[in-house]
Amino acid sequence: MIAPMLGFNFRLSLVLAIALLTPGSLWSKDINIAYSTIGANNTVVWVARDMGFFKKHGLDAQVLYVQGGGILIQGMLNGNIPITITSGSQAMVSNLAGTDLVIFSTFHSAAGPRYLGVAKDIQNGSQLKGKRLAVSRFGSSSDFILRFALRKAGLDPERDVAILQIGNSPDRLAAMRNGQISGTMLTLEDRWAAEKFGFQTLLDVYDHGFHSLTVSAIASKKYLTEQRDTARGFMRGLVEAIHFTKTRPEETKKIMAKNTRIADPEILDKSYRFIAADYLPRPYPSIKGIQFTLQDLDRTKPGVAELNPLRFADMDLVKELETNGFIDRLYGKK
């Protein structure tokens, strides 16, 4: 099972949040890189840190966990977190509000919260009416995807259900086990754990046209321009970590288990095999994901669906690594 991430992580997140929300500047190769969720889909970030790939490419990187993409975005705007790994939709909302945040890499094609997991007694969407469901935080990827899933299940997220902020996946799974909530969005490893407790999946958002930006690297255009060498070092470290993850299963599973607290060997192995296949060797920002997000946001921000998706993306860092042969050399193609 996935062990709950209890008080320590909450207190650590709180301390980091206070520090990171204080205005400052760390625009150097001594860099804070922060991520907002604990799940197998972030394994490549831990691999890059633990196997020394960031260091290899010139970065003295502090890799920090801070629960809540909104806190990370605020930390970026204050100059304390140059690069964040979180939902790309958060950068897009911030960009629409007038900032220069952009997505410069999307690591996965189908990872992140994708299954609407529900209690044993829920057989269809109508039975969720009046029930409580959970997200990590309002505005997070789990919130964005849950609202999409509820609409696909025939429900109005604003009127038909109560949505609570409970925390990351282990906390939400614990709340389901305790009967506090009737549903939440689940990653693949969450789904396997939930099924062992008798919970079931109501729908998979990818069966309903969903395109993900869940695990994306975000920075400001200003930072990517003024600190190009540092951004290039990050991208090289990340791409090398993706290759390692795909080709070194045993070492990767150890890193994954340490950081996710997945103790069940079967779930660990299944999770590894899924993410290893799903990581993108050429992790360009997902234009399809950006277009999908704009179409969804258009419900409350009319007109945004017509915007050029390239406004929200920097394609050049990955393109450079493809053009100069860096990626092909990793995979033995040149």
C-alpha atoms as a PDB file:
ATOM      1  CA  MET A   1       0.000   0.000   0.000  1.00  0.00           C
ATOM      2  CA  ILE A   2       0.969   3.648  -0.205  1.00  0.00           C
ATOM      3  CA  ALA A   3       1.853   4.855   3.263  1.00  0.00           C
ATOM      4  CA  PRO A   4       0.236   8.177   4.305  1.00  0.00           C
ATOM      5  CA  MET A   5       2.509  11.225   4.174  1.00  0.00           C
ATOM      6  CA  LEU A   6       1.534  12.744   7.512  1.00  0.00           C
ATOM      7  CA  GLY A   7       2.614  15.635   9.763  1.00  0.00           C
ATOM      8  CA  PHE A   8       6.252  15.921   8.735  1.00  0.00           C
ATOM      9  CA  ASN A   9       5.505  16.632   5.088  1.00  0.00           C
ATOM     10  CA  PHE A  10       2.797  19.126   6.043  1.00  0.00           C
ATOM     11  CA  ARG A  11       5.134  21.001   8.388  1.00  0.00           C
ATOM     12  CA  LEU A  12       7.969  20.891   5.865  1.00  0.00           C
ATOM     13  CA  SER A  13       5.671  22.268   3.168  1.00  0.00           C
ATOM     14  CA  LEU A  14       4.542  25.044   5.504  1.00  0.00           C
ATOM     15  CA  VAL A  15       8.111  26.062   6.377  1.00  0.00           C
ATOM     16  CA  LEU A  16       9.157  26.001   2.740  1.00  0.00           C
ATOM     17  CA  ALA A  17       6.063  27.911   1.686  1.00  0.00           C
ATOM     18  CA  ILE A  18       6.858  30.733   4.133  1.00  0.00           C
ATOM     19  CA  ALA A  19      10.465  30.863   2.939  1.00  0.00           C
ATOM     20  CA  LEU A  20       9.600  30.695  -0.730  1.00  0.00           C
ATOM     21  CA  LEU A  21       6.903  33.341  -0.536  1.00  0.00           C
ATOM     22  CA  THR A  22       9.423  35.846   0.845  1.00  0.00           C
ATOM     23  CA  PRO A  23      10.657  38.027  -2.030  1.00  0.00           C
ATOM     24  CA  GLY A  24      14.199  37.277  -3.064  1.00  0.00           C
ATOM     25  CA  SER A  25      16.401  36.269  -5.969  1.00  0.00           C
ATOM     26  CA  LEU A  26      18.132  32.961  -6.618  1.00  0.00           C
ATOM     27  CA  TRP A  27      18.802  33.428 -10.318  1.00  0.00           C
ATOM     28  CA  SER A  28      22.103  31.589 -10.470  1.00  0.00           C
ATOM     29  CA  LYS A  29      23.345  28.060 -10.982  1.00  0.00           C
ATOM     30  CA  ASP A  30      22.632  27.534  -7.283  1.00  0.00           C
ATOM     31  CA  ILE A  31      18.985  26.929  -8.030  1.00  0.00           C
ATOM     32  CA  ASN A  32      15.747  25.996  -6.286  1.00  0.00           C
ATOM     33  CA  ILE A  33      13.676  23.521  -8.312  1.00  0.00           C
ATOM     34  CA  ALA A  34      10.314  22.768  -6.724  1.00  0.00           C
ATOM     35  CA  TYR A  35       7.564  20.231  -7.406  1.00  0.00           C
ATOM     36  CA  SER A  36       4.050  20.079  -6.011  1.00  0.00           C
ATOM     37  CA  THR A  37       2.946  16.438  -5.912  1.00  0.00           C
ATOM     38  CA  ILE A  38       4.291  13.166  -4.537  1.00  0.00           C
ATOM     39  CA  GLY A  39       3.642  10.527  -7.172  1.00  0.00           C
ATOM     40  CA  ALA A  40       5.433   8.161  -9.509  1.00  0.00           C
ATOM     41  CA  ASN A  41       5.010  10.651 -12.351  1.00  0.00           C
ATOM     42  CA  ASN A  42       7.655  12.870 -10.702  1.00  0.00           C
ATOM     43  CA  THR A  43      10.243  10.075 -10.526  1.00  0.00           C
ATOM     44  CA  VAL A  44      12.439  11.640 -13.200  1.00  0.00           C
ATOM     45  CA  VAL A  45      12.964  14.724 -11.018  1.00  0.00           C
ATOM     46  CA  TRP A  46      14.233  12.581  -8.117  1.00  0.00           C
ATOM     47  CA  VAL A  47      16.404  10.571 -10.515  1.00  0.00           C
ATOM     48  CA  ALA A  48      17.985  13.768 -11.861  1.00  0.00           C
ATOM     49  CA  ARG A  49      18.778  14.847  -8.296  1.00  0.00           C
ATOM     50  CA  ASP A  50      19.814  11.524  -6.761  1.00  0.00           C
ATOM     51  CA  MET A  51      21.886  10.294  -9.709  1.00  0.00           C
ATOM     52  CA  GLY A  52      23.668  13.636 -10.050  1.00  0.00           C
ATOM     53  CA  PHE A  53      22.429  14.641 -13.496  1.00  0.00           C
ATOM     54  CA  PHE A  54      21.690  18.229 -12.488  1.00  0.00           C
ATOM     55  CA  LYS A  55      25.168  18.475 -10.939  1.00  0.00           C
ATOM     56  CA  LYS A  56      26.733  16.891 -14.029  1.00  0.00           C
ATOM     57  CA  HIS A  57      25.329  19.737 -16.108  1.00  0.00           C
ATOM     58  CA  GLY A  58      26.542  22.512 -13.844  1.00  0.00           C
ATOM     59  CA  LEU A  59      23.645  23.022 -11.424  1.00  0.00           C
ATOM     60  CA  ASP A  60      23.818  23.063  -7.656  1.00  0.00           C
ATOM     61  CA  ALA A  61      20.131  22.239  -7.376  1.00  0.00           C
ATOM     62  CA  GLN A  62      17.939  22.130  -4.298  1.00  0.00           C
ATOM     63  CA  VAL A  63      14.953  19.983  -5.245  1.00  0.00           C
ATOM     64  CA  LEU A  64      12.061  20.896  -2.963  1.00  0.00           C
ATOM     65  CA  TYR A  65       8.595  19.492  -2.365  1.00  0.00           C
ATOM     66  CA  VAL A  66       5.963  22.154  -1.697  1.00  0.00           C
ATOM     67  CA  GLN A  67       2.367  21.014  -1.576  1.00  0.00           C
ATOM     68  CA  GLY A  68       0.194  23.153  -3.787  1.00  0.00           C
ATOM     69  CA  GLY A  69       0.949  24.469  -7.246  1.00  0.00           C
ATOM     70  CA  GLY A  70      -0.499  27.867  -6.316  1.00  0.00           C
ATOM     71  CA  ILE A  71       2.180  28.354  -3.647  1.00  0.00           C
ATOM     72  CA  LEU A  72       4.847  27.413  -6.168  1.00  0.00           C
ATOM     73  CA  ILE A  73       3.539  29.891  -8.714  1.00  0.00           C
ATOM     74  CA  GLN A  74       3.636  32.648  -6.102  1.00  0.00           C
ATOM     75  CA  GLY A  75       7.191  31.639  -5.201  1.00  0.00           C
ATOM     76  CA  MET A  76       8.133  31.927  -8.870  1.00  0.00           C
ATOM     77  CA  LEU A  77       6.656  35.395  -9.115  1.00  0.00           C
ATOM     78  CA  ASN A  78       8.674  36.423  -6.039  1.00  0.00           C
ATOM     79  CA  GLY A  79      11.883  35.184  -7.679  1.00  0.00           C
ATOM     80  CA  ASN A  80      12.604  32.396  -5.183  1.00  0.00           C
ATOM     81  CA  ILE A  81      11.735  29.427  -7.409  1.00  0.00           C
ATOM     82  CA  PRO A  82      13.099  29.863 -10.927  1.00  0.00           C
ATOM     83  CA  ILE A  83      11.849  26.472 -12.158  1.00  0.00           C
ATOM     84  CA  THR A  84       8.769  24.573 -11.024  1.00  0.00           C
ATOM     85  CA  ILE A  85       7.476  21.119 -11.920  1.00  0.00           C
ATOM     86  CA  THR A  86       3.712  21.220 -11.623  1.00  0.00           C
ATOM     87  CA  SER A  87       0.575  21.366 -13.754  1.00  0.00           C
ATOM     88  CA  GLY A  88       1.083  23.430 -16.880  1.00  0.00           C
ATOM     89  CA  SER A  89      -2.464  24.744 -16.516  1.00  0.00           C
ATOM     90  CA  GLN A  90      -1.272  26.773 -13.504  1.00  0.00           C
ATOM     91  CA  ALA A  91       1.262  28.598 -15.682  1.00  0.00           C
ATOM     92  CA  MET A  92      -1.394  29.254 -18.299  1.00  0.00           C
ATOM     93  CA  VAL A  93      -3.833  30.777 -15.817  1.00  0.00           C
ATOM     94  CA  SER A  94      -1.022  32.947 -14.443  1.00  0.00           C
ATOM     95  CA  ASN A  95      -0.005  33.964 -17.967  1.00  0.00           C
ATOM     96  CA  LEU A  96      -3.577  34.950 -18.784  1.00  0.00           C
ATOM     97  CA  ALA A  97      -3.524  37.127 -15.667  1.00  0.00           C
ATOM     98  CA  GLY A  98      -0.551  39.054 -17.045  1.00  0.00           C
ATOM     99  CA  THR A  99       2.623  37.197 -16.019  1.00  0.00           C
ATOM    100  CA  ASP A 100       5.235  35.822 -18.429  1.00  0.00           C
ATOM    101  CA  LEU A 101       5.227  32.229 -17.142  1.00  0.00           C
ATOM    102  CA  VAL A 102       5.541  29.569 -19.842  1.00  0.00           C
ATOM    103  CA  ILE A 103       5.827  25.802 -20.149  1.00  0.00           C
ATOM    104  CA  PHE A 104       9.168  24.655 -21.541  1.00  0.00           C
ATOM    105  CA  SER A 105       8.782  20.893 -21.134  1.00  0.00           C
ATOM    106  CA  THR A 106       6.040  18.302 -20.617  1.00  0.00           C
ATOM    107  CA  PHE A 107       7.439  14.980 -19.430  1.00  0.00           C
ATOM    108  CA  HIS A 108       4.509  12.584 -19.937  1.00  0.00           C
ATOM    109  CA  SER A 109       1.811  11.812 -22.446  1.00  0.00           C
ATOM    110  CA  ALA A 110      -0.732  10.184 -20.106  1.00  0.00           C
ATOM    111  CA  ALA A 111       0.414  10.306 -16.481  1.00  0.00           C
ATOM    112  CA  GLY A 112      -0.970  12.192 -13.500  1.00  0.00           C
ATOM    113  CA  PRO A 113      -4.465  12.035 -11.984  1.00  0.00           C
ATOM    114  CA  ARG A 114      -6.649  10.406 -14.627  1.00  0.00           C
ATOM    115  CA  TYR A 115      -9.148   8.099 -12.922  1.00  0.00           C
ATOM    116  CA  LEU A 116     -12.238   9.224 -11.039  1.00  0.00           C
ATOM    117  CA  GLY A 117     -12.050   6.823  -8.117  1.00  0.00           C
ATOM    118  CA  VAL A 118     -15.209   6.374  -6.069  1.00  0.00           C
ATOM    119  CA  ALA A 119     -16.464   4.547  -2.974  1.00  0.00           C
ATOM    120  CA  LYS A 120     -17.740   0.976  -3.169  1.00  0.00           C
ATOM    121  CA  ASP A 121     -21.402   1.971  -3.193  1.00  0.00           C
ATOM    122  CA  ILE A 122     -21.134   4.383  -6.153  1.00  0.00           C
ATOM    123  CA  GLN A 123     -22.124   2.778  -9.459  1.00  0.00           C
ATOM    124  CA  ASN A 124     -22.759   5.833 -11.660  1.00  0.00           C
ATOM    125  CA  GLY A 125     -22.372   9.591 -11.744  1.00  0.00           C
ATOM    126  CA  SER A 126     -25.867  10.364 -10.483  1.00  0.00           C
ATOM    127  CA  GLN A 127     -25.062   8.605  -7.193  1.00  0.00           C
ATOM    128  CA  LEU A 128     -22.355  11.205  -6.513  1.00  0.00           C
ATOM    129  CA  LYS A 129     -24.936  13.980  -6.180  1.00  0.00           C
ATOM    130  CA  GLY A 130     -24.728  15.531  -2.737  1.00  0.00           C
ATOM    131  CA  LYS A 131     -21.478  13.679  -1.953  1.00  0.00           C
ATOM    132  CA  ARG A 132     -18.104  15.044  -0.895  1.00  0.00           C
ATOM    133  CA  LEU A 133     -15.079  14.679  -3.159  1.00  0.00           C
ATOM    134  CA  ALA A 134     -11.502  15.814  -2.602  1.00  0.00           C
ATOM    135  CA  VAL A 135      -8.673  17.592  -4.370  1.00  0.00           C
ATOM    136  CA  SER A 136      -5.218  18.535  -3.126  1.00  0.00           C
ATOM    137  CA  ARG A 137      -5.885  22.280  -3.326  1.00  0.00           C
ATOM    138  CA  PHE A 138      -8.263  24.455  -5.294  1.00  0.00           C
ATOM    139  CA  GLY A 139      -6.691  25.397  -8.599  1.00  0.00           C
ATOM    140  CA  SER A 140      -4.404  22.349  -8.603  1.00  0.00           C
ATOM    141  CA  SER A 141      -4.225  19.759 -11.377  1.00  0.00           C
ATOM    142  CA  SER A 142      -6.351  17.380  -9.274  1.00  0.00           C
ATOM    143  CA  ASP A 143      -8.997  20.127  -9.003  1.00  0.00           C
ATOM    144  CA  PHE A 144      -8.903  20.969 -12.726  1.00  0.00           C
ATOM    145  CA  ILE A 145      -9.139  17.302 -13.743  1.00  0.00           C
ATOM    146  CA  LEU A 146     -11.803  16.404 -11.155  1.00  0.00           C
ATOM    147  CA  ARG A 147     -14.098  19.147 -12.455  1.00  0.00           C
ATOM    148  CA  PHE A 148     -13.585  17.912 -16.019  1.00  0.00           C
ATOM    149  CA  ALA A 149     -14.338  14.318 -14.924  1.00  0.00           C
ATOM    150  CA  LEU A 150     -17.486  15.350 -13.060  1.00  0.00           C
ATOM    151  CA  ARG A 151     -18.819  17.157 -16.118  1.00  0.00           C
ATOM    152  CA  LYS A 152     -18.169  14.043 -18.191  1.00  0.00           C
ATOM    153  CA  ALA A 153     -20.081  12.047 -15.563  1.00  0.00           C
ATOM    154  CA  GLY A 154     -23.073  14.336 -16.088  1.00  0.00           C
ATOM    155  CA  LEU A 155     -22.601  16.484 -12.988  1.00  0.00           C
ATOM    156  CA  ASP A 156     -22.185  20.177 -12.328  1.00  0.00           C
ATOM    157  CA  PRO A 157     -19.061  20.506 -10.120  1.00  0.00           C
ATOM    158  CA  GLU A 158     -20.348  23.782  -8.669  1.00  0.00           C
ATOM    159  CA  ARG A 159     -23.825  22.598  -7.697  1.00  0.00           C
ATOM    160  CA  ASP A 160     -24.040  18.818  -7.496  1.00  0.00           C
ATOM    161  CA  VAL A 161     -21.131  17.941  -5.180  1.00  0.00           C
ATOM    162  CA  ALA A 162     -18.999  19.396  -2.398  1.00  0.00           C
ATOM    163  CA  ILE A 163     -15.291  19.617  -3.243  1.00  0.00           C
ATOM    164  CA  LEU A 164     -12.877  19.654  -0.310  1.00  0.00           C
ATOM    165  CA  GLN A 165      -9.147  20.462  -0.073  1.00  0.00           C
ATOM    166  CA  ILE A 166      -7.499  17.513   1.668  1.00  0.00           C
ATOM    167  CA  GLY A 167      -3.950  17.148   0.353  1.00  0.00           C
ATOM    168  CA  ASN A 168      -1.975  14.876  -1.914  1.00  0.00           C
ATOM    169  CA  SER A 169      -2.936  11.407  -3.107  1.00  0.00           C
ATOM    170  CA  PRO A 170      -2.049   9.438   0.063  1.00  0.00           C
ATOM    171  CA  ASP A 171      -4.133  11.829   2.178  1.00  0.00           C
ATOM    172  CA  ARG A 172      -7.096  11.588  -0.184  1.00  0.00           C
ATOM    173  CA  LEU A 173      -6.890   7.799  -0.287  1.00  0.00           C
ATOM    174  CA  ALA A 174      -6.865   7.737   3.508  1.00  0.00           C
ATOM    175  CA  ALA A 175      -9.938   9.996   3.520  1.00  0.00           C
ATOM    176  CA  MET A 176     -11.726   7.560   1.195  1.00  0.00           C
ATOM    177  CA  ARG A 177     -10.849   4.642   3.439  1.00  0.00           C
ATOM    178  CA  ASN A 178     -12.195   6.527   6.454  1.00  0.00           C
ATOM    179  CA  GLY A 179     -15.433   7.408   4.681  1.00  0.00           C
ATOM    180  CA  GLN A 180     -14.778  11.157   4.763  1.00  0.00           C
ATOM    181  CA  ILE A 181     -15.165  11.469   0.989  1.00  0.00           C
ATOM    182  CA  SER A 182     -16.825   9.482  -1.776  1.00  0.00           C
ATOM    183  CA  GLY A 183     -14.365  10.155  -4.577  1.00  0.00           C
ATOM    184  CA  THR A 184     -11.181  11.759  -5.847  1.00  0.00           C
ATOM    185  CA  MET A 185      -8.892  11.709  -8.857  1.00  0.00           C
ATOM    186  CA  LEU A 186      -6.358   8.884  -8.868  1.00  0.00           C
ATOM    187  CA  THR A 187      -3.062   8.299 -10.622  1.00  0.00           C
ATOM    188  CA  LEU A 188      -2.350   4.831 -11.943  1.00  0.00           C
ATOM    189  CA  GLU A 189      -0.542   3.746  -8.772  1.00  0.00           C
ATOM    190  CA  ASP A 190      -3.328   5.260  -6.659  1.00  0.00           C
ATOM    191  CA  ARG A 191      -5.896   3.267  -8.617  1.00  0.00           C
ATOM    192  CA  TRP A 192      -4.133  -0.015  -7.967  1.00  0.00           C
ATOM    193  CA  ALA A 193      -3.895   0.777  -4.266  1.00  0.00           C
ATOM    194  CA  ALA A 194      -7.552   1.879  -4.141  1.00  0.00           C
ATOM    195  CA  GLU A 195      -8.737  -1.289  -5.841  1.00  0.00           C
ATOM    196  CA  LYS A 196      -7.091  -3.355  -3.111  1.00  0.00           C
ATOM    197  CA  PHE A 197      -9.446  -1.619  -0.658  1.00  0.00           C
ATOM    198  CA  GLY A 198     -12.472  -2.311  -2.843  1.00  0.00           C
ATOM    199  CA  PHE A 199     -12.829   1.133  -4.411  1.00  0.00           C
ATOM    200  CA  GLN A 200     -13.630   1.394  -8.102  1.00  0.00           C
ATOM    201  CA  THR A 201     -13.048   3.623 -11.105  1.00  0.00           C
ATOM    202  CA  LEU A 202     -16.007   5.525 -12.510  1.00  0.00           C
ATOM    203  CA  LEU A 203     -14.191   6.880 -15.562  1.00  0.00           C
ATOM    204  CA  ASP A 204     -10.810   7.555 -17.154  1.00  0.00           C
ATOM    205  CA  VAL A 205     -10.537  11.143 -18.416  1.00  0.00           C
ATOM    206  CA  TYR A 206      -8.356   9.998 -21.308  1.00  0.00           C
ATOM    207  CA  ASP A 207     -11.382   8.136 -22.662  1.00  0.00           C
ATOM    208  CA  HIS A 208     -13.110  11.524 -22.899  1.00  0.00           C
ATOM    209  CA  GLY A 209     -10.606  13.513 -24.950  1.00  0.00           C
ATOM    210  CA  PHE A 210      -8.428  14.764 -22.111  1.00  0.00           C
ATOM    211  CA  HIS A 211      -4.895  15.943 -22.924  1.00  0.00           C
ATOM    212  CA  SER A 212      -2.503  16.382 -20.025  1.00  0.00           C
ATOM    213  CA  LEU A 213      -0.102  19.088 -18.924  1.00  0.00           C
ATOM    214  CA  THR A 214       0.102  17.531 -15.468  1.00  0.00           C
ATOM    215  CA  VAL A 215       3.883  17.157 -15.174  1.00  0.00           C
ATOM    216  CA  SER A 216       5.432  20.183 -16.843  1.00  0.00           C
ATOM    217  CA  ALA A 217       8.475  22.384 -16.285  1.00  0.00           C
ATOM    218  CA  ILE A 218       7.577  26.051 -15.895  1.00  0.00           C
ATOM    219  CA  ALA A 219       9.665  29.226 -15.819  1.00  0.00           C
ATOM    220  CA  SER A 220       9.297  32.870 -16.744  1.00  0.00           C
ATOM    221  CA  LYS A 221      10.275  34.036 -20.214  1.00  0.00           C
ATOM    222  CA  LYS A 222      12.579  36.533 -18.535  1.00  0.00           C
ATOM    223  CA  TYR A 223      14.386  33.779 -16.650  1.00  0.00           C
ATOM    224  CA  LEU A 224      14.669  31.523 -19.704  1.00  0.00           C
ATOM    225  CA  THR A 225      16.188  34.429 -21.648  1.00  0.00           C
ATOM    226  CA  GLU A 226      18.530  35.858 -19.015  1.00  0.00           C
ATOM    227  CA  GLN A 227      19.610  32.537 -17.482  1.00  0.00           C
ATOM    228  CA  ARG A 228      19.718  30.414 -20.629  1.00  0.00           C
ATOM    229  CA  ASP A 229      22.766  28.393 -19.591  1.00  0.00           C
ATOM    230  CA  THR A 230      21.122  27.386 -16.314  1.00  0.00           C
ATOM    231  CA  ALA A 231      17.867  26.481 -18.062  1.00  0.00           C
ATOM    232  CA  ARG A 232      19.869  24.502 -20.613  1.00  0.00           C
ATOM    233  CA  GLY A 233      21.636  22.618 -17.802  1.00  0.00           C
ATOM    234  CA  PHE A 234      18.287  21.786 -16.205  1.00  0.00           C
ATOM    235  CA  MET A 235      16.921  20.485 -19.500  1.00  0.00           C
ATOM    236  CA  ARG A 236      19.999  18.360 -20.166  1.00  0.00           C
ATOM    237  CA  GLY A 237      19.801  16.879 -16.667  1.00  0.00           C
ATOM    238  CA  LEU A 238      16.116  16.135 -17.066  1.00  0.00           C
ATOM    239  CA  VAL A 239      16.487  14.492 -20.484  1.00  0.00           C
ATOM    240  CA  GLU A 240      19.355  12.356 -19.202  1.00  0.00           C
ATOM    241  CA  ALA A 241      17.240  11.375 -16.181  1.00  0.00           C
ATOM    242  CA  ILE A 242      14.409  10.307 -18.507  1.00  0.00           C
ATOM    243  CA  HIS A 243      16.839   8.045 -20.370  1.00  0.00           C
ATOM    244  CA  PHE A 244      18.106   6.589 -17.067  1.00  0.00           C
ATOM    245  CA  THR A 245      14.541   5.968 -15.877  1.00  0.00           C
ATOM    246  CA  LYS A 246      13.667   4.147 -19.068  1.00  0.00           C
ATOM    247  CA  THR A 247      16.785   1.961 -19.105  1.00  0.00           C
ATOM    248  CA  ARG A 248      17.704   1.324 -15.451  1.00  0.00           C
ATOM    249  CA  PRO A 249      14.638  -0.243 -13.805  1.00  0.00           C
ATOM    250  CA  GLU A 250      16.094  -1.525 -10.536  1.00  0.00           C
ATOM    251  CA  GLU A 251      17.894   1.686  -9.583  1.00  0.00           C
ATOM    252  CA  THR A 252      14.873   3.740 -10.627  1.00  0.00           C
ATOM    253  CA  LYS A 253      12.448   1.647  -8.569  1.00  0.00           C
ATOM    254  CA  LYS A 254      14.578   2.194  -5.470  1.00  0.00           C
ATOM    255  CA  ILE A 255      14.461   5.954  -5.987  1.00  0.00           C
ATOM    256  CA  MET A 256      10.720   5.809  -6.677  1.00  0.00           C
ATOM    257  CA  ALA A 257      10.002   3.740  -3.556  1.00  0.00           C
ATOM    258  CA  LYS A 258      12.045   6.063  -1.332  1.00  0.00           C
ATOM    259  CA  ASN A 259      10.213   9.167  -2.486  1.00  0.00           C
ATOM    260  CA  THR A 260       6.649   7.903  -2.966  1.00  0.00           C
ATOM    261  CA  ARG A 261       6.575   5.477  -0.004  1.00  0.00           C
ATOM    262  CA  ILE A 262       5.093   2.797  -2.262  1.00  0.00           C
ATOM    263  CA  ALA A 263       5.737  -0.353  -0.224  1.00  0.00           C
ATOM    264  CA  ASP A 264       3.765  -2.883  -2.280  1.00  0.00           C
ATOM    265  CA  PRO A 265       6.248  -4.533  -4.731  1.00  0.00           C
ATOM    266  CA  GLU A 266       3.515  -5.274  -7.275  1.00  0.00           C
ATOM    267  CA  ILE A 267       2.285  -1.682  -7.359  1.00  0.00           C
ATOM    268  CA  LEU A 268       5.879  -0.425  -7.477  1.00  0.00           C
ATOM    269  CA  ASP A 269       6.698  -2.633 -10.466  1.00  0.00           C
ATOM    270  CA  LYS A 270       3.501  -1.743 -12.340  1.00  0.00           C
ATOM    271  CA  SER A 271       4.026   1.944 -11.645  1.00  0.00           C
ATOM    272  CA  TYR A 272       7.600   1.806 -12.882  1.00  0.00           C
ATOM    273  CA  ARG A 273       6.654   0.025 -16.100  1.00  0.00           C
ATOM    274  CA  PHE A 274       3.935   2.562 -16.835  1.00  0.00           C
ATOM    275  CA  ILE A 275       5.993   5.692 -16.232  1.00  0.00           C
ATOM    276  CA  ALA A 276       9.061   4.298 -18.003  1.00  0.00           C
ATOM    277  CA  ALA A 277       6.962   3.754 -21.120  1.00  0.00           C
ATOM    278  CA  ASP A 278       5.127   7.059 -20.759  1.00  0.00           C
ATOM    279  CA  TYR A 279       8.102   9.399 -20.248  1.00  0.00           C
ATOM    280  CA  LEU A 280       8.842  11.263 -23.466  1.00  0.00           C
ATOM    281  CA  PRO A 281      12.440  11.039 -24.798  1.00  0.00           C
ATOM    282  CA  ARG A 282      11.818  14.414 -26.453  1.00  0.00           C
ATOM    283  CA  PRO A 283       9.792  16.190 -23.766  1.00  0.00           C
ATOM    284  CA  TYR A 284       8.482  19.142 -25.760  1.00  0.00           C
ATOM    285  CA  PRO A 285       5.700  21.245 -24.226  1.00  0.00           C
ATOM    286  CA  SER A 286       2.412  19.582 -25.172  1.00  0.00           C
ATOM    287  CA  ILE A 287       0.676  21.808 -27.712  1.00  0.00           C
ATOM    288  CA  LYS A 288      -2.349  19.487 -27.612  1.00  0.00           C
ATOM    289  CA  GLY A 289      -2.426  19.858 -23.830  1.00  0.00           C
ATOM    290  CA  ILE A 290      -2.266  23.647 -24.107  1.00  0.00           C
ATOM    291  CA  GLN A 291      -5.041  23.713 -26.704  1.00  0.00           C
ATOM    292  CA  PHE A 292      -7.209  21.432 -24.579  1.00  0.00           C
ATOM    293  CA  THR A 293      -6.669  23.608 -21.495  1.00  0.00           C
ATOM    294  CA  LEU A 294      -7.546  26.767 -23.431  1.00  0.00           C
ATOM    295  CA  GLN A 295     -10.763  25.159 -24.648  1.00  0.00           C
ATOM    296  CA  ASP A 296     -11.672  24.182 -21.097  1.00  0.00           C
ATOM    297  CA  LEU A 297     -10.831  27.639 -19.718  1.00  0.00           C
ATOM    298  CA  ASP A 298     -12.936  29.193 -22.453  1.00  0.00           C
ATOM    299  CA  ARG A 299     -16.059  28.201 -20.469  1.00  0.00           C
ATOM    300  CA  THR A 300     -15.260  30.880 -17.878  1.00  0.00           C
ATOM    301  CA  LYS A 301     -12.871  33.081 -19.908  1.00  0.00           C
ATOM    302  CA  PRO A 302     -14.577  33.475 -23.289  1.00  0.00           C
ATOM    303  CA  GLY A 303     -12.196  33.950 -26.188  1.00  0.00           C
ATOM    304  CA  VAL A 304      -9.107  32.248 -24.774  1.00  0.00           C
ATOM    305  CA  ALA A 305      -9.648  29.183 -26.966  1.00  0.00           C
ATOM    306  CA  GLU A 306      -8.657  31.353 -29.939  1.00  0.00           C
ATOM    307  CA  LEU A 307      -5.256  32.273 -28.506  1.00  0.00           C
ATOM    308  CA  ASN A 308      -2.062  30.946 -30.089  1.00  0.00           C
ATOM    309  CA  PRO A 309      -0.854  28.032 -27.898  1.00  0.00           C
ATOM    310  CA  LEU A 310       2.754  29.078 -28.516  1.00  0.00           C
ATOM    311  CA  ARG A 311       2.112  32.098 -26.297  1.00  0.00           C
ATOM    312  CA  PHE A 312       2.276  29.644 -23.378  1.00  0.00           C
ATOM    313  CA  ALA A 313       5.292  27.569 -24.494  1.00  0.00           C
ATOM    314  CA  ASP A 314       9.029  27.766 -25.110  1.00  0.00           C
ATOM    315  CA  MET A 315       9.876  24.959 -27.536  1.00  0.00           C
ATOM    316  CA  ASP A 316      13.504  25.942 -28.074  1.00  0.00           C
ATOM    317  CA  LEU A 317      15.284  24.208 -25.165  1.00  0.00           C
ATOM    318  CA  VAL A 318      14.136  20.741 -26.175  1.00  0.00           C
ATOM    319  CA  LYS A 319      14.541  21.565 -29.858  1.00  0.00           C
ATOM    320  CA  GLU A 320      18.168  22.485 -29.222  1.00  0.00           C
ATOM    321  CA  LEU A 321      18.860  19.106 -27.590  1.00  0.00           C
ATOM    322  CA  GLU A 322      17.219  17.334 -30.486  1.00  0.00           C
ATOM    323  CA  THR A 323      18.986  19.383 -33.157  1.00  0.00           C
ATOM    324  CA  ASN A 324      22.471  19.071 -31.671  1.00  0.00           C
ATOM    325  CA  GLY A 325      22.135  15.292 -31.289  1.00  0.00           C
ATOM    326  CA  PHE A 326      22.218  15.227 -27.473  1.00  0.00           C
ATOM    327  CA  ILE A 327      19.060  13.100 -27.217  1.00  0.00           C
ATOM    328  CA  ASP A 328      19.996  10.724 -30.021  1.00  0.00           C
ATOM    329  CA  ARG A 329      23.411  10.120 -28.470  1.00  0.00           C
ATOM    330  CA  LEU A 330      21.793   9.112 -25.179  1.00  0.00           C
ATOM    331  CA  TYR A 331      19.749   6.468 -26.980  1.00  0.00           C
ATOM    332  CA  GLY A 332      22.682   5.276 -29.090  1.00  0.00           C
ATOM    333  CA  LYS A 333      21.321   6.587 -32.361  1.00  0.00           C
ATOM    334  CA  LYS A 334      24.394   8.633 -33.312  1.00  0.00           C
END
